[in-house]
Amino acid sequence: MTEIREITEGETKLGARALLELRPRWESVDAIVDVIDTRLRPQGYRLMGAFDGTTDEALSVLGYRETFMSAWGRHLYVDDLSTLPEARGRGYGDALIAWVKDEARRLGCESVQLDSGVNANRAAAHRLYMRNHFAITSHHFTYEV
């Protein structure tokens, strides 16, 4: 049975390997733990994990924050959603999305928002979002300095 629970500061390592699958730029468990705990958590970032009881490690993680923007009003923004390769296809991503939708309703948010890359290796993630009734509503533009 899948347990969805928050991974708090001091436990971030439990979700680090799954996060590194999505965010390899951080290169190591220690680096991503530092980013999450010292840069993102102070800005309201929270990390949820899907656990199956066979290991202490999260098999899938969802990082999000509650925010307000003129475009979307009060919403939950999903920064990160990632599953360990060996755990994919078992419903952990679906369970985390169901959880974040329920949390948005509980908090009185208008929506759940997320961005997803468009390269070929993101097709499975896009299927996950579409299966869970997320709509493609905009383009995201980036200018790197």
Protein backbone atom coordinates (compact mmCIF):
# COMPACT_ATOMS: atom_id res chain seq x y z
CA MET A 1 0.00 0.00 0.00
CA THR A 2 1.28 3.45 -0.92
CA GLU A 3 1.74 5.97 1.87
CA ILE A 4 1.89 9.65 0.90
CA ARG A 5 3.56 11.77 3.55
CA GLU A 6 5.56 14.95 3.90
CA ILE A 7 9.33 14.72 3.83
CA THR A 8 10.39 17.38 6.30
CA GLU A 9 13.64 19.28 6.72
CA GLY A 10 16.20 16.84 8.07
CA GLU A 11 14.61 14.00 6.05
CA THR A 12 15.20 15.44 2.59
CA LYS A 13 17.71 12.69 1.76
CA LEU A 14 14.76 10.28 1.67
CA GLY A 15 13.60 11.93 -1.57
CA ALA A 16 16.93 13.07 -2.97
CA ARG A 17 17.56 10.18 -5.37
CA ALA A 18 14.12 10.62 -6.97
CA LEU A 19 14.68 14.40 -7.20
CA LEU A 20 18.04 13.88 -8.90
CA GLU A 21 16.29 11.93 -11.68
CA LEU A 22 14.47 15.15 -12.59
CA ARG A 23 17.13 17.67 -11.52
CA PRO A 24 20.52 16.15 -12.45
CA ARG A 25 22.11 19.60 -12.54
CA TRP A 26 22.61 19.31 -8.76
CA GLU A 27 24.77 16.18 -9.32
CA SER A 28 24.71 14.76 -5.78
CA VAL A 29 22.39 13.91 -2.92
CA ASP A 30 24.14 16.43 -0.65
CA ALA A 31 23.82 19.23 -3.20
CA ILE A 32 20.11 18.73 -3.82
CA VAL A 33 19.42 18.38 -0.08
CA ASP A 34 21.20 21.71 0.44
CA VAL A 35 19.17 23.41 -2.32
CA ILE A 36 15.88 22.11 -0.97
CA ASP A 37 16.57 22.80 2.71
CA THR A 38 18.41 26.13 2.50
CA ARG A 39 16.98 27.81 -0.61
CA LEU A 40 13.54 26.39 -1.37
CA ARG A 41 12.01 25.52 2.00
CA PRO A 42 12.46 29.11 3.30
CA GLN A 43 10.35 30.20 0.28
CA GLY A 44 7.50 27.85 1.24
CA TYR A 45 8.54 24.75 -0.71
CA ARG A 46 7.20 21.49 0.69
CA LEU A 47 8.18 17.98 -0.34
CA MET A 48 5.82 15.01 -0.36
CA GLY A 49 6.92 11.43 -0.88
CA ALA A 50 5.29 8.19 -1.94
CA PHE A 51 6.50 5.25 0.15
CA ASP A 52 5.67 1.55 -0.20
CA GLY A 53 6.90 0.31 3.17
CA THR A 54 9.73 -1.81 1.78
CA THR A 55 12.34 0.93 2.17
CA ASP A 56 12.74 4.26 3.96
CA GLU A 57 13.44 5.95 0.62
CA ALA A 58 10.67 7.76 -1.25
CA LEU A 59 9.93 6.05 -4.56
CA SER A 60 8.36 9.21 -5.96
CA VAL A 61 8.36 12.83 -4.81
CA LEU A 62 6.34 15.97 -5.40
CA GLY A 63 7.72 19.38 -4.42
CA TYR A 64 5.26 22.26 -4.37
CA ARG A 65 4.44 25.62 -2.88
CA GLU A 66 1.30 27.62 -2.25
CA THR A 67 1.36 30.99 -3.97
CA PHE A 68 -0.73 33.75 -5.52
CA MET A 69 -0.23 35.23 -8.99
CA SER A 70 -2.28 37.67 -11.02
CA ALA A 71 -2.64 35.07 -13.79
CA TRP A 72 -3.91 32.19 -11.65
CA GLY A 73 -4.97 33.58 -8.27
CA ARG A 74 -4.30 31.38 -5.26
CA HIS A 75 -2.84 28.07 -6.41
CA LEU A 76 -0.42 25.28 -5.65
CA TYR A 77 2.58 25.29 -7.96
CA VAL A 78 4.29 21.94 -8.52
CA ASP A 79 8.03 22.53 -8.88
CA ASP A 80 9.05 18.88 -8.98
CA LEU A 81 7.39 15.54 -9.66
CA SER A 82 9.72 12.61 -10.17
CA THR A 83 9.77 8.85 -9.69
CA LEU A 84 12.74 6.53 -9.43
CA PRO A 85 13.18 4.65 -12.73
CA GLU A 86 12.72 1.26 -11.10
CA ALA A 87 9.40 2.39 -9.54
CA ARG A 88 7.79 3.94 -12.62
CA GLY A 89 4.49 2.59 -13.89
CA ARG A 90 3.24 1.61 -10.42
CA GLY A 91 0.92 4.58 -9.82
CA TYR A 92 3.09 6.63 -7.47
CA GLY A 93 2.93 9.74 -9.68
CA ASP A 94 -0.85 9.40 -9.95
CA ALA A 95 -1.10 9.08 -6.16
CA LEU A 96 0.96 12.23 -5.62
CA ILE A 97 -1.11 14.17 -8.15
CA ALA A 98 -4.33 13.03 -6.45
CA TRP A 99 -2.85 14.18 -3.14
CA VAL A 100 -1.87 17.64 -4.43
CA LYS A 101 -5.32 18.15 -6.01
CA ASP A 102 -6.94 17.31 -2.67
CA GLU A 103 -4.53 19.62 -0.84
CA ALA A 104 -5.36 22.48 -3.23
CA ARG A 105 -9.08 21.97 -2.55
CA ARG A 106 -8.46 21.79 1.21
CA LEU A 107 -6.54 25.09 1.12
CA GLY A 108 -9.18 26.83 -1.02
CA CYS A 109 -6.90 27.22 -4.03
CA GLU A 110 -8.26 27.88 -7.51
CA SER A 111 -5.90 25.50 -9.30
CA VAL A 112 -2.78 23.37 -9.37
CA GLN A 113 -0.16 24.64 -11.82
CA LEU A 114 3.02 23.08 -13.21
CA ASP A 115 5.46 23.47 -16.07
CA SER A 116 6.96 20.52 -17.91
CA GLY A 117 9.83 20.38 -20.36
CA VAL A 118 9.11 19.49 -23.96
CA ASN A 119 11.99 17.23 -24.96
CA ALA A 120 11.37 13.64 -26.04
CA ASN A 121 12.14 12.07 -22.67
CA ARG A 122 9.19 13.96 -21.09
CA ALA A 123 6.47 12.06 -23.00
CA ALA A 124 5.64 9.76 -20.07
CA ALA A 125 5.31 12.74 -17.74
CA HIS A 126 3.00 14.47 -20.22
CA ARG A 127 0.82 11.36 -20.39
CA LEU A 128 0.65 11.39 -16.59
CA TYR A 129 -0.52 15.02 -16.53
CA MET A 130 -3.06 14.55 -19.30
CA ARG A 131 -4.41 11.36 -17.69
CA ASN A 132 -4.95 13.43 -14.53
CA HIS A 133 -6.88 16.13 -16.45
CA PHE A 134 -4.22 18.83 -16.58
CA ALA A 135 -4.61 21.08 -19.62
CA ILE A 136 -1.88 22.72 -21.69
CA THR A 137 -2.82 26.38 -21.24
CA SER A 138 0.28 28.39 -22.12
CA HIS A 139 3.80 28.49 -23.46
CA HIS A 140 6.67 29.12 -21.07
CA PHE A 141 9.46 31.33 -22.42
CA THR A 142 13.00 31.54 -21.06
CA TYR A 143 15.82 33.99 -21.63
CA GLU A 144 19.10 32.83 -20.14
CA VAL A 145 21.58 35.50 -19.03
